[in-house]
C-alpha cells in the first residue's frame, strides 16, 4: 500500500513524492497502481504541486471504492533557488531538521486523494540551506510498535537525525530503518517507506 518516487524532471528541478493507501491486499495494490499510472504523465507536465494534486485527486475520485483513499505528499525542489514547493494531501507530515538541530513539520493542509472530487489544494514553500534534512515516511515507520505497544514515534526519528548530523542521506536512512526495526523486533505491523533528503552545497540534494 506504500508508494514513493524521486525523479529529476529538468536540469533544475527534482520531484519527491510519497503515498499510502488505506487498507491492504489486492484492492489497495490496484489503487496504488492506478495512482502511479495517473501521476507519471502529470509529473512530466511540471505542474505546480497544488495543481498536480487537484488533477490527480479528480482522476482517482472516478474509480476509488468507497472507504478507500490515498494520503499523498508531493514536492518539487528547485536546485537553483534552493526552494522546496510542496503540497500535502492528508499524508503524515514530513519533518525538516535544520543544520542547527531545530525541527518542524510540513503540515497537512489538504484532504486525502480519492474522496472529495472538488477539493482545492494549497501549496507552501520552504527555503533549503546546506545541512538541512527532509524526512518523508509512511505511518508504518513511526507507528511501528514494540512488545509493550509503544510506537517508535516521530521523536525518535528526530533524535536519530540530530545524532547523525554529519551522516549522508543514505546513512541516515539506514540508521532510521535499523532503529525502527530494532524497536519493533523486526516485525513491522504495516508497510514502512522512507525518503531522506540532505541539502548540501552547491546543488542542495
N, C-alpha and C. Protein backbone atom coordinates (compact mmCIF):
# COMPACT_ATOMS: atom_id res chain seq x y z
N UNK A 1 0.78 -1.21 0.00
CA UNK A 1 0.00 0.00 0.00
C UNK A 1 0.81 1.27 0.00
N UNK A 2 2.14 1.18 0.03
CA UNK A 2 3.01 2.36 0.03
C UNK A 2 3.54 2.63 -1.38
N UNK A 3 3.86 3.90 -1.62
CA UNK A 3 4.46 4.31 -2.89
C UNK A 3 5.38 5.48 -2.64
N UNK A 4 6.52 5.50 -3.32
CA UNK A 4 7.40 6.67 -3.26
C UNK A 4 8.16 6.79 -4.57
N UNK A 5 8.62 8.00 -4.86
CA UNK A 5 9.36 8.22 -6.10
C UNK A 5 10.21 9.47 -5.97
N UNK A 6 11.34 9.47 -6.63
CA UNK A 6 12.23 10.62 -6.74
C UNK A 6 12.65 10.72 -8.20
N UNK A 7 12.29 11.84 -8.85
CA UNK A 7 12.53 11.97 -10.30
C UNK A 7 13.09 13.34 -10.61
N UNK A 8 14.17 13.37 -11.36
CA UNK A 8 14.74 14.63 -11.86
C UNK A 8 13.96 14.99 -13.12
N UNK A 9 13.13 16.04 -13.07
CA UNK A 9 12.26 16.36 -14.20
C UNK A 9 12.81 17.47 -15.10
N UNK A 10 13.89 18.12 -14.67
CA UNK A 10 14.55 19.12 -15.51
C UNK A 10 15.95 19.34 -14.95
N UNK A 11 16.70 20.21 -15.60
CA UNK A 11 18.06 20.50 -15.14
C UNK A 11 18.07 21.13 -13.74
N UNK A 12 16.98 21.78 -13.36
CA UNK A 12 16.97 22.48 -12.09
C UNK A 12 15.95 21.95 -11.08
N UNK A 13 15.11 20.96 -11.47
CA UNK A 13 14.03 20.53 -10.58
C UNK A 13 14.03 19.01 -10.37
N UNK A 14 13.81 18.63 -9.12
CA UNK A 14 13.64 17.22 -8.75
C UNK A 14 12.34 17.09 -7.97
N UNK A 15 11.57 16.05 -8.30
CA UNK A 15 10.30 15.77 -7.63
C UNK A 15 10.52 14.69 -6.56
N UNK A 16 9.88 14.89 -5.40
CA UNK A 16 9.85 13.90 -4.34
C UNK A 16 8.38 13.65 -3.99
N UNK A 17 7.96 12.40 -3.96
CA UNK A 17 6.59 12.14 -3.54
C UNK A 17 6.52 10.82 -2.77
N UNK A 18 5.52 10.74 -1.90
CA UNK A 18 5.31 9.54 -1.09
C UNK A 18 3.82 9.42 -0.85
N UNK A 19 3.31 8.18 -0.81
CA UNK A 19 1.88 7.96 -0.67
C UNK A 19 1.61 6.69 0.11
N UNK A 20 0.41 6.61 0.66
CA UNK A 20 -0.01 5.44 1.43
C UNK A 20 -1.50 5.21 1.17
N UNK A 21 -1.86 4.00 0.78
CA UNK A 21 -3.26 3.65 0.52
C UNK A 21 -3.86 3.02 1.75
N UNK A 22 -5.10 3.42 2.08
CA UNK A 22 -5.81 2.80 3.20
C UNK A 22 -6.13 1.35 2.86
N UNK A 23 -5.86 0.46 3.81
CA UNK A 23 -6.17 -0.95 3.61
C UNK A 23 -5.00 -1.74 3.06
N UNK A 24 -5.25 -3.03 2.88
CA UNK A 24 -4.21 -3.94 2.40
C UNK A 24 -4.77 -4.83 1.30
N UNK A 25 -3.93 -5.70 0.78
CA UNK A 25 -4.37 -6.68 -0.19
C UNK A 25 -4.52 -6.14 -1.59
N UNK A 26 -5.24 -6.89 -2.42
CA UNK A 26 -5.37 -6.57 -3.82
C UNK A 26 -6.05 -5.22 -4.08
N UNK A 27 -7.14 -4.86 -3.37
CA UNK A 27 -7.76 -3.55 -3.63
C UNK A 27 -6.78 -2.40 -3.41
N UNK A 28 -5.98 -2.47 -2.34
CA UNK A 28 -5.01 -1.41 -2.07
C UNK A 28 -3.93 -1.39 -3.16
N UNK A 29 -3.49 -2.56 -3.57
CA UNK A 29 -2.46 -2.64 -4.62
C UNK A 29 -2.96 -2.07 -5.94
N UNK A 30 -4.21 -2.35 -6.28
CA UNK A 30 -4.77 -1.83 -7.52
C UNK A 30 -4.91 -0.31 -7.49
N UNK A 31 -5.33 0.21 -6.33
CA UNK A 31 -5.47 1.67 -6.22
C UNK A 31 -4.10 2.34 -6.31
N UNK A 32 -3.09 1.76 -5.69
CA UNK A 32 -1.75 2.34 -5.77
C UNK A 32 -1.21 2.27 -7.19
N UNK A 33 -1.50 1.19 -7.89
CA UNK A 33 -1.09 1.08 -9.29
C UNK A 33 -1.75 2.16 -10.14
N UNK A 34 -3.01 2.45 -9.85
CA UNK A 34 -3.73 3.50 -10.57
C UNK A 34 -3.13 4.87 -10.27
N UNK A 35 -2.77 5.10 -9.01
CA UNK A 35 -2.13 6.37 -8.65
C UNK A 35 -0.83 6.55 -9.43
N UNK A 36 -0.02 5.51 -9.47
CA UNK A 36 1.26 5.58 -10.19
C UNK A 36 1.03 5.89 -11.67
N UNK A 37 0.06 5.22 -12.28
CA UNK A 37 -0.20 5.41 -13.71
C UNK A 37 -0.70 6.83 -14.00
N UNK A 38 -1.53 7.36 -13.10
CA UNK A 38 -2.06 8.71 -13.30
C UNK A 38 -1.02 9.78 -13.00
N UNK A 39 -0.16 9.51 -12.04
CA UNK A 39 0.83 10.50 -11.62
C UNK A 39 1.93 10.72 -12.65
N UNK A 40 2.37 9.68 -13.31
CA UNK A 40 3.55 9.78 -14.17
C UNK A 40 3.43 10.86 -15.24
N UNK A 41 2.36 10.89 -16.03
CA UNK A 41 2.27 11.95 -17.05
C UNK A 41 2.10 13.34 -16.45
N UNK A 42 1.40 13.44 -15.31
CA UNK A 42 1.22 14.74 -14.66
C UNK A 42 2.56 15.29 -14.18
N UNK A 43 3.39 14.42 -13.66
CA UNK A 43 4.70 14.83 -13.14
C UNK A 43 5.54 15.50 -14.23
N UNK A 44 5.50 14.94 -15.43
CA UNK A 44 6.34 15.46 -16.51
C UNK A 44 5.76 16.71 -17.15
N UNK A 45 4.55 17.08 -16.78
CA UNK A 45 3.99 18.36 -17.23
C UNK A 45 4.51 19.53 -16.40
N UNK A 46 5.27 19.22 -15.36
CA UNK A 46 5.88 20.23 -14.47
C UNK A 46 4.81 21.15 -13.88
N UNK A 47 3.74 20.55 -13.42
CA UNK A 47 2.66 21.31 -12.79
C UNK A 47 3.07 21.74 -11.39
N UNK A 48 2.49 22.83 -10.92
CA UNK A 48 2.67 23.22 -9.53
C UNK A 48 2.09 22.12 -8.65
N UNK A 49 2.69 21.87 -7.48
CA UNK A 49 2.21 20.78 -6.61
C UNK A 49 0.72 20.82 -6.32
N UNK A 50 0.15 22.00 -6.04
CA UNK A 50 -1.28 22.08 -5.73
C UNK A 50 -2.12 21.67 -6.94
N UNK A 51 -1.74 22.12 -8.13
CA UNK A 51 -2.47 21.77 -9.34
C UNK A 51 -2.35 20.29 -9.64
N UNK A 52 -1.17 19.73 -9.44
CA UNK A 52 -0.99 18.30 -9.67
C UNK A 52 -1.88 17.49 -8.73
N UNK A 53 -1.92 17.86 -7.46
CA UNK A 53 -2.77 17.14 -6.50
C UNK A 53 -4.24 17.27 -6.87
N UNK A 54 -4.63 18.44 -7.33
CA UNK A 54 -6.02 18.65 -7.75
C UNK A 54 -6.38 17.71 -8.90
N UNK A 55 -5.54 17.64 -9.91
CA UNK A 55 -5.83 16.80 -11.07
C UNK A 55 -5.78 15.32 -10.70
N UNK A 56 -4.79 14.95 -9.91
CA UNK A 56 -4.66 13.55 -9.51
C UNK A 56 -5.87 13.12 -8.67
N UNK A 57 -6.33 14.00 -7.80
CA UNK A 57 -7.49 13.69 -6.98
C UNK A 57 -8.73 13.48 -7.84
N UNK A 58 -8.94 14.34 -8.84
CA UNK A 58 -10.11 14.19 -9.71
C UNK A 58 -10.08 12.86 -10.44
N UNK A 59 -8.91 12.45 -10.89
CA UNK A 59 -8.77 11.17 -11.59
C UNK A 59 -9.11 10.02 -10.65
N UNK A 60 -8.53 10.02 -9.46
CA UNK A 60 -8.74 8.92 -8.52
C UNK A 60 -10.17 8.86 -8.01
N UNK A 61 -10.83 10.00 -7.88
CA UNK A 61 -12.22 10.01 -7.41
C UNK A 61 -13.16 9.27 -8.36
N UNK A 62 -12.77 9.13 -9.63
CA UNK A 62 -13.64 8.47 -10.60
C UNK A 62 -13.76 6.97 -10.36
N UNK A 63 -12.76 6.36 -9.71
CA UNK A 63 -12.83 4.90 -9.56
C UNK A 63 -12.39 4.38 -8.19
N UNK A 64 -12.09 5.26 -7.24
CA UNK A 64 -11.71 4.79 -5.91
C UNK A 64 -12.93 4.22 -5.19
N UNK A 65 -12.87 2.97 -4.68
CA UNK A 65 -14.02 2.38 -3.98
C UNK A 65 -14.34 3.14 -2.70
N UNK A 66 -15.58 3.04 -2.27
CA UNK A 66 -16.00 3.65 -1.01
C UNK A 66 -15.15 3.09 0.12
N UNK A 67 -14.65 3.98 0.97
CA UNK A 67 -13.85 3.54 2.11
C UNK A 67 -12.36 3.45 1.82
N UNK A 68 -11.97 3.64 0.56
CA UNK A 68 -10.56 3.63 0.19
C UNK A 68 -10.11 5.05 -0.13
N UNK A 69 -8.84 5.33 0.09
CA UNK A 69 -8.28 6.64 -0.24
C UNK A 69 -6.76 6.55 -0.19
N UNK A 70 -6.10 7.59 -0.66
CA UNK A 70 -4.64 7.67 -0.62
C UNK A 70 -4.22 8.94 0.11
N UNK A 71 -3.32 8.83 1.04
CA UNK A 71 -2.62 10.02 1.53
C UNK A 71 -1.42 10.23 0.62
N UNK A 72 -1.05 11.51 0.40
CA UNK A 72 -0.05 11.81 -0.64
C UNK A 72 0.67 13.11 -0.31
N UNK A 73 1.98 13.08 -0.47
CA UNK A 73 2.79 14.29 -0.31
C UNK A 73 3.62 14.44 -1.57
N UNK A 74 3.62 15.66 -2.14
CA UNK A 74 4.32 15.92 -3.40
C UNK A 74 5.12 17.20 -3.26
N UNK A 75 6.39 17.16 -3.64
CA UNK A 75 7.25 18.34 -3.52
C UNK A 75 8.17 18.45 -4.72
N UNK A 76 8.50 19.69 -5.07
CA UNK A 76 9.45 19.97 -6.15
C UNK A 76 10.58 20.81 -5.56
N UNK A 77 11.79 20.33 -5.72
CA UNK A 77 12.97 21.06 -5.26
C UNK A 77 13.63 21.77 -6.43
N UNK A 78 13.77 23.09 -6.32
CA UNK A 78 14.47 23.90 -7.31
C UNK A 78 15.91 24.04 -6.85
N UNK A 79 16.84 23.46 -7.63
CA UNK A 79 18.24 23.44 -7.23
C UNK A 79 18.91 24.80 -7.37
N UNK A 80 18.35 25.67 -8.20
CA UNK A 80 18.95 26.99 -8.42
C UNK A 80 18.55 27.95 -7.31
N UNK A 81 17.25 28.01 -7.03
CA UNK A 81 16.75 28.92 -5.99
C UNK A 81 16.77 28.30 -4.60
N UNK A 82 17.11 26.99 -4.51
CA UNK A 82 17.15 26.28 -3.22
C UNK A 82 15.79 26.33 -2.53
N UNK A 83 14.73 26.20 -3.33
CA UNK A 83 13.37 26.33 -2.82
C UNK A 83 12.61 25.01 -3.00
N UNK A 84 11.95 24.59 -1.93
CA UNK A 84 11.10 23.41 -1.96
C UNK A 84 9.64 23.87 -1.97
N UNK A 85 8.90 23.49 -2.99
CA UNK A 85 7.48 23.81 -3.09
C UNK A 85 6.71 22.51 -2.93
N UNK A 86 5.71 22.50 -2.03
CA UNK A 86 5.09 21.22 -1.70
C UNK A 86 3.60 21.36 -1.43
N UNK A 87 2.93 20.21 -1.54
CA UNK A 87 1.51 20.09 -1.22
C UNK A 87 1.31 18.78 -0.47
N UNK A 88 0.57 18.84 0.63
CA UNK A 88 0.32 17.66 1.44
C UNK A 88 -1.16 17.32 1.39
N UNK A 89 -1.46 16.16 0.81
CA UNK A 89 -2.84 15.69 0.69
C UNK A 89 -3.09 14.60 1.74
N UNK A 90 -3.21 15.03 2.99
CA UNK A 90 -3.57 14.12 4.06
C UNK A 90 -2.51 13.16 4.53
N UNK A 91 -1.27 13.33 4.08
CA UNK A 91 -0.20 12.43 4.50
C UNK A 91 0.38 12.88 5.84
N UNK A 92 0.93 11.90 6.61
CA UNK A 92 1.57 12.30 7.87
C UNK A 92 2.72 13.26 7.55
N UNK A 93 2.80 14.37 8.27
CA UNK A 93 3.69 15.47 7.88
C UNK A 93 5.16 15.08 7.83
N UNK A 94 5.85 15.36 6.71
CA UNK A 94 7.30 15.21 6.68
C UNK A 94 7.94 16.13 7.71
N UNK A 95 9.16 15.80 8.10
CA UNK A 95 9.87 16.55 9.13
C UNK A 95 11.12 17.18 8.53
N UNK A 96 11.35 18.44 8.84
CA UNK A 96 12.58 19.14 8.46
C UNK A 96 13.43 19.31 9.70
N UNK A 97 14.69 18.88 9.62
CA UNK A 97 15.66 19.13 10.69
C UNK A 97 16.72 20.05 10.12
N UNK A 98 16.74 21.26 10.63
CA UNK A 98 17.71 22.24 10.15
C UNK A 98 19.12 21.86 10.59
N UNK A 99 20.11 22.49 9.97
CA UNK A 99 21.51 22.22 10.29
C UNK A 99 21.83 22.54 11.75
N UNK A 100 21.08 23.47 12.35
CA UNK A 100 21.33 23.83 13.75
C UNK A 100 20.58 22.94 14.74
N UNK A 101 19.86 21.92 14.23
CA UNK A 101 19.17 20.98 15.10
C UNK A 101 17.71 21.29 15.34
N UNK A 102 17.24 22.47 14.99
CA UNK A 102 15.83 22.79 15.14
C UNK A 102 15.02 21.96 14.13
N UNK A 103 13.77 21.67 14.48
CA UNK A 103 12.95 20.83 13.61
C UNK A 103 11.52 21.34 13.58
N UNK A 104 10.82 21.01 12.51
CA UNK A 104 9.41 21.35 12.37
C UNK A 104 8.79 20.46 11.31
N UNK A 105 7.44 20.42 11.30
CA UNK A 105 6.71 19.59 10.36
C UNK A 105 6.22 20.42 9.17
N UNK A 106 6.09 19.75 8.03
CA UNK A 106 5.43 20.33 6.87
C UNK A 106 3.98 19.84 6.93
N UNK A 107 3.12 20.65 7.52
CA UNK A 107 1.81 20.21 7.95
C UNK A 107 0.86 19.76 6.86
N UNK A 108 -0.18 19.06 7.30
CA UNK A 108 -1.24 18.59 6.43
C UNK A 108 -2.22 19.72 6.16
N UNK A 109 -2.42 20.07 4.91
CA UNK A 109 -3.32 21.17 4.59
C UNK A 109 -4.42 20.77 3.63
N UNK A 110 -4.38 19.55 3.12
CA UNK A 110 -5.37 19.12 2.13
C UNK A 110 -5.95 17.76 2.47
N UNK A 111 -7.09 17.46 1.86
CA UNK A 111 -7.76 16.18 2.07
C UNK A 111 -7.01 15.06 1.34
N UNK A 112 -7.23 13.84 1.80
CA UNK A 112 -6.68 12.67 1.12
C UNK A 112 -7.22 12.60 -0.30
N UNK A 113 -6.52 11.87 -1.16
CA UNK A 113 -6.94 11.72 -2.55
C UNK A 113 -8.00 10.64 -2.69
N UNK A 114 -8.95 10.88 -3.59
CA UNK A 114 -9.91 9.85 -3.94
C UNK A 114 -11.25 9.93 -3.25
N UNK A 115 -11.49 10.99 -2.47
CA UNK A 115 -12.73 11.09 -1.71
C UNK A 115 -13.55 12.34 -2.02
N UNK A 116 -12.89 13.45 -2.27
CA UNK A 116 -13.57 14.74 -2.43
C UNK A 116 -13.18 15.36 -3.78
N UNK A 117 -13.95 15.11 -4.83
CA UNK A 117 -13.54 15.49 -6.19
C UNK A 117 -13.35 16.99 -6.41
N UNK A 118 -13.96 17.83 -5.61
CA UNK A 118 -13.88 19.28 -5.84
C UNK A 118 -12.96 19.98 -4.82
N UNK A 119 -12.16 19.19 -4.12
CA UNK A 119 -11.27 19.79 -3.12
C UNK A 119 -10.22 20.67 -3.81
N UNK A 120 -9.99 21.86 -3.24
CA UNK A 120 -8.97 22.76 -3.75
C UNK A 120 -7.75 22.70 -2.85
N UNK A 121 -6.63 22.31 -3.41
CA UNK A 121 -5.41 22.11 -2.63
C UNK A 121 -4.58 23.39 -2.59
N UNK A 122 -3.84 23.56 -1.49
CA UNK A 122 -2.92 24.67 -1.33
C UNK A 122 -1.49 24.14 -1.39
N UNK A 123 -0.55 25.00 -1.63
CA UNK A 123 0.85 24.63 -1.58
C UNK A 123 1.63 25.64 -0.77
N UNK A 124 2.78 25.23 -0.30
CA UNK A 124 3.65 26.09 0.51
C UNK A 124 5.07 25.99 -0.01
N UNK A 125 5.92 26.91 0.44
CA UNK A 125 7.32 26.92 0.03
C UNK A 125 8.23 26.91 1.25
N UNK A 126 9.39 26.34 1.05
CA UNK A 126 10.40 26.25 2.11
C UNK A 126 11.76 26.53 1.50
N UNK A 127 12.51 27.43 2.12
CA UNK A 127 13.86 27.71 1.66
C UNK A 127 14.82 26.72 2.32
N UNK A 128 15.57 25.98 1.49
CA UNK A 128 16.51 24.99 1.99
C UNK A 128 17.92 25.59 2.04
N UNK A 129 18.67 25.22 3.07
CA UNK A 129 20.06 25.63 3.19
C UNK A 129 20.92 24.41 3.44
N UNK A 130 22.20 24.53 3.19
CA UNK A 130 23.12 23.41 3.33
C UNK A 130 23.06 22.83 4.74
N UNK A 131 22.95 21.51 4.81
CA UNK A 131 22.89 20.82 6.09
C UNK A 131 21.48 20.46 6.54
N UNK A 132 20.47 21.05 5.91
CA UNK A 132 19.09 20.71 6.25
C UNK A 132 18.79 19.28 5.82
N UNK A 133 17.97 18.59 6.61
CA UNK A 133 17.48 17.27 6.24
C UNK A 133 15.96 17.28 6.14
N UNK A 134 15.41 16.63 5.14
CA UNK A 134 13.97 16.45 4.98
C UNK A 134 13.68 14.96 5.02
N UNK A 135 12.78 14.56 5.93
CA UNK A 135 12.46 13.15 6.11
C UNK A 135 11.00 12.93 5.79
N UNK A 136 10.74 12.09 4.80
CA UNK A 136 9.39 11.72 4.40
C UNK A 136 9.20 10.24 4.69
N UNK A 137 8.11 9.88 5.34
CA UNK A 137 7.88 8.47 5.64
C UNK A 137 6.39 8.17 5.64
N UNK A 138 6.05 6.89 5.59
CA UNK A 138 4.68 6.46 5.78
C UNK A 138 4.49 6.09 7.25
N UNK A 139 3.22 5.98 7.67
CA UNK A 139 2.97 5.78 9.09
C UNK A 139 3.44 4.43 9.61
N UNK A 140 3.73 3.49 8.70
CA UNK A 140 4.25 2.20 9.14
C UNK A 140 5.58 2.30 9.84
N UNK A 141 6.33 3.38 9.59
CA UNK A 141 7.62 3.56 10.26
C UNK A 141 7.42 4.12 11.67
N UNK A 142 6.74 5.27 11.79
CA UNK A 142 6.61 5.92 13.10
C UNK A 142 5.63 5.19 14.01
N UNK A 143 4.72 4.38 13.43
CA UNK A 143 3.76 3.65 14.25
C UNK A 143 4.19 2.21 14.54
N UNK A 144 5.41 1.84 14.17
CA UNK A 144 5.91 0.50 14.49
C UNK A 144 5.98 0.34 16.01
N UNK A 145 5.37 -0.70 16.53
CA UNK A 145 5.23 -0.87 17.98
C UNK A 145 6.13 -1.99 18.51
N UNK A 146 6.58 -1.81 19.75
CA UNK A 146 7.32 -2.87 20.43
C UNK A 146 6.35 -3.78 21.17
N UNK A 147 6.87 -4.69 21.99
CA UNK A 147 6.03 -5.66 22.70
C UNK A 147 5.08 -5.00 23.67
N UNK A 148 5.39 -3.79 24.12
CA UNK A 148 4.52 -3.05 25.05
C UNK A 148 3.57 -2.11 24.32
N UNK A 149 3.48 -2.25 22.99
CA UNK A 149 2.61 -1.42 22.16
C UNK A 149 3.00 0.05 22.18
N UNK A 150 4.28 0.31 22.39
CA UNK A 150 4.81 1.67 22.33
C UNK A 150 5.31 1.94 20.92
N UNK A 151 4.85 3.03 20.31
CA UNK A 151 5.25 3.36 18.95
C UNK A 151 6.68 3.88 18.88
N UNK A 152 7.32 3.64 17.74
CA UNK A 152 8.66 4.19 17.51
C UNK A 152 8.62 5.70 17.59
N UNK A 153 7.67 6.31 16.92
CA UNK A 153 7.36 7.72 17.09
C UNK A 153 8.27 8.70 16.36
N UNK A 154 7.71 9.87 16.15
CA UNK A 154 8.43 10.92 15.45
C UNK A 154 9.61 11.45 16.26
N UNK A 155 9.48 11.46 17.59
CA UNK A 155 10.57 12.00 18.41
C UNK A 155 11.84 11.17 18.28
N UNK A 156 11.70 9.85 18.16
CA UNK A 156 12.88 9.01 17.93
C UNK A 156 13.48 9.30 16.56
N UNK A 157 12.63 9.52 15.58
CA UNK A 157 13.10 9.86 14.24
C UNK A 157 13.93 11.15 14.29
N UNK A 158 13.42 12.17 14.97
CA UNK A 158 14.13 13.45 15.07
C UNK A 158 15.41 13.30 15.87
N UNK A 159 15.34 12.55 16.97
CA UNK A 159 16.54 12.35 17.81
C UNK A 159 17.67 11.70 17.02
N UNK A 160 17.35 10.67 16.25
CA UNK A 160 18.38 9.97 15.48
C UNK A 160 18.95 10.88 14.39
N UNK A 161 18.09 11.69 13.77
CA UNK A 161 18.58 12.62 12.76
C UNK A 161 19.54 13.64 13.37
N UNK A 162 19.23 14.12 14.58
CA UNK A 162 20.11 15.08 15.25
C UNK A 162 21.43 14.42 15.66
N UNK A 163 21.38 13.15 16.03
CA UNK A 163 22.60 12.44 16.44
C UNK A 163 23.50 12.10 15.26
N UNK A 164 22.94 12.16 14.05
CA UNK A 164 23.70 11.80 12.84
C UNK A 164 23.79 12.99 11.89
N UNK A 165 24.12 14.15 12.45
CA UNK A 165 24.10 15.39 11.68
C UNK A 165 25.08 15.37 10.52
N UNK A 166 26.17 14.63 10.64
CA UNK A 166 27.19 14.60 9.59
C UNK A 166 27.03 13.42 8.64
N UNK A 167 26.02 12.59 8.86
CA UNK A 167 25.81 11.42 8.01
C UNK A 167 25.25 11.81 6.65
N UNK A 168 25.53 10.99 5.67
CA UNK A 168 24.91 11.18 4.36
C UNK A 168 23.43 10.81 4.45
N UNK A 169 22.67 11.19 3.44
CA UNK A 169 21.25 10.84 3.44
C UNK A 169 21.05 9.33 3.45
N UNK A 170 21.90 8.59 2.73
CA UNK A 170 21.79 7.13 2.70
C UNK A 170 22.09 6.54 4.08
N UNK A 171 23.14 7.03 4.73
CA UNK A 171 23.49 6.51 6.06
C UNK A 171 22.42 6.85 7.09
N UNK A 172 21.85 8.04 7.00
CA UNK A 172 20.79 8.40 7.94
C UNK A 172 19.55 7.54 7.69
N UNK A 173 19.22 7.30 6.45
CA UNK A 173 18.08 6.43 6.15
C UNK A 173 18.30 5.04 6.73
N UNK A 174 19.50 4.50 6.56
CA UNK A 174 19.81 3.17 7.10
C UNK A 174 19.70 3.17 8.63
N UNK A 175 20.16 4.23 9.27
CA UNK A 175 20.09 4.32 10.73
C UNK A 175 18.65 4.36 11.22
N UNK A 176 17.81 5.09 10.51
CA UNK A 176 16.41 5.20 10.90
C UNK A 176 15.67 3.87 10.73
N UNK A 177 15.89 3.22 9.61
CA UNK A 177 15.24 1.92 9.37
C UNK A 177 15.73 0.89 10.39
N UNK A 178 17.02 0.90 10.67
CA UNK A 178 17.56 -0.06 11.64
C UNK A 178 16.99 0.18 13.03
N UNK A 179 16.90 1.45 13.44
CA UNK A 179 16.38 1.76 14.77
C UNK A 179 14.91 1.38 14.90
N UNK A 180 14.12 1.67 13.86
CA UNK A 180 12.70 1.30 13.90
C UNK A 180 12.53 -0.21 13.91
N UNK A 181 13.36 -0.91 13.16
CA UNK A 181 13.30 -2.37 13.11
C UNK A 181 13.65 -2.98 14.46
N UNK A 182 14.68 -2.44 15.09
CA UNK A 182 15.05 -2.94 16.42
C UNK A 182 13.95 -2.66 17.44
N UNK A 183 13.30 -1.51 17.30
CA UNK A 183 12.23 -1.14 18.23
C UNK A 183 11.07 -2.12 18.17
N UNK A 184 10.70 -2.56 16.97
CA UNK A 184 9.54 -3.44 16.82
C UNK A 184 9.93 -4.91 16.70
N UNK A 185 11.19 -5.24 17.02
CA UNK A 185 11.63 -6.63 16.94
C UNK A 185 11.59 -7.18 15.54
N UNK A 186 11.88 -6.32 14.56
CA UNK A 186 11.88 -6.68 13.14
C UNK A 186 10.51 -7.15 12.66
N UNK A 187 9.46 -6.69 13.33
CA UNK A 187 8.11 -7.08 12.93
C UNK A 187 7.27 -5.81 12.74
N UNK A 188 7.40 -5.23 11.55
CA UNK A 188 6.60 -4.04 11.23
C UNK A 188 5.14 -4.46 11.05
N UNK A 189 4.24 -3.73 11.70
CA UNK A 189 2.81 -4.05 11.60
C UNK A 189 2.19 -3.54 10.30
N UNK A 190 2.90 -2.67 9.59
CA UNK A 190 2.40 -2.10 8.34
C UNK A 190 3.60 -1.84 7.44
N UNK A 191 3.32 -1.59 6.15
CA UNK A 191 4.40 -1.21 5.24
C UNK A 191 5.08 0.05 5.75
N UNK A 192 6.39 0.11 5.62
CA UNK A 192 7.15 1.28 6.08
C UNK A 192 8.06 1.74 4.96
N UNK A 193 7.85 2.99 4.51
CA UNK A 193 8.66 3.57 3.45
C UNK A 193 9.28 4.87 3.94
N UNK A 194 10.45 5.19 3.39
CA UNK A 194 11.22 6.33 3.89
C UNK A 194 12.02 6.98 2.77
N UNK A 195 11.98 8.31 2.71
CA UNK A 195 12.86 9.09 1.84
C UNK A 195 13.59 10.10 2.72
N UNK A 196 14.90 10.21 2.55
CA UNK A 196 15.70 11.19 3.28
C UNK A 196 16.43 12.07 2.27
N UNK A 197 16.21 13.37 2.38
CA UNK A 197 16.90 14.36 1.55
C UNK A 197 17.82 15.17 2.45
N UNK A 198 19.08 15.30 2.06
CA UNK A 198 20.02 16.16 2.78
C UNK A 198 20.52 17.23 1.82
N UNK A 199 20.35 18.49 2.21
CA UNK A 199 20.79 19.59 1.37
C UNK A 199 22.28 19.82 1.57
N UNK A 200 23.02 19.78 0.47
CA UNK A 200 24.47 20.00 0.52
C UNK A 200 24.84 20.95 -0.60
N UNK A 201 25.75 21.85 -0.36
CA UNK A 201 26.20 22.79 -1.38
C UNK A 201 27.02 22.05 -2.44
N UNK A 202 26.97 22.48 -3.72
CA UNK A 202 26.21 23.64 -4.21
C UNK A 202 24.83 23.28 -4.72
N UNK A 203 24.54 21.98 -4.93
CA UNK A 203 23.29 21.61 -5.59
C UNK A 203 22.13 21.37 -4.64
N UNK A 204 22.39 21.31 -3.36
CA UNK A 204 21.36 21.12 -2.35
C UNK A 204 20.51 19.89 -2.58
N UNK A 205 21.15 18.76 -2.86
CA UNK A 205 20.44 17.49 -2.96
C UNK A 205 21.39 16.33 -2.69
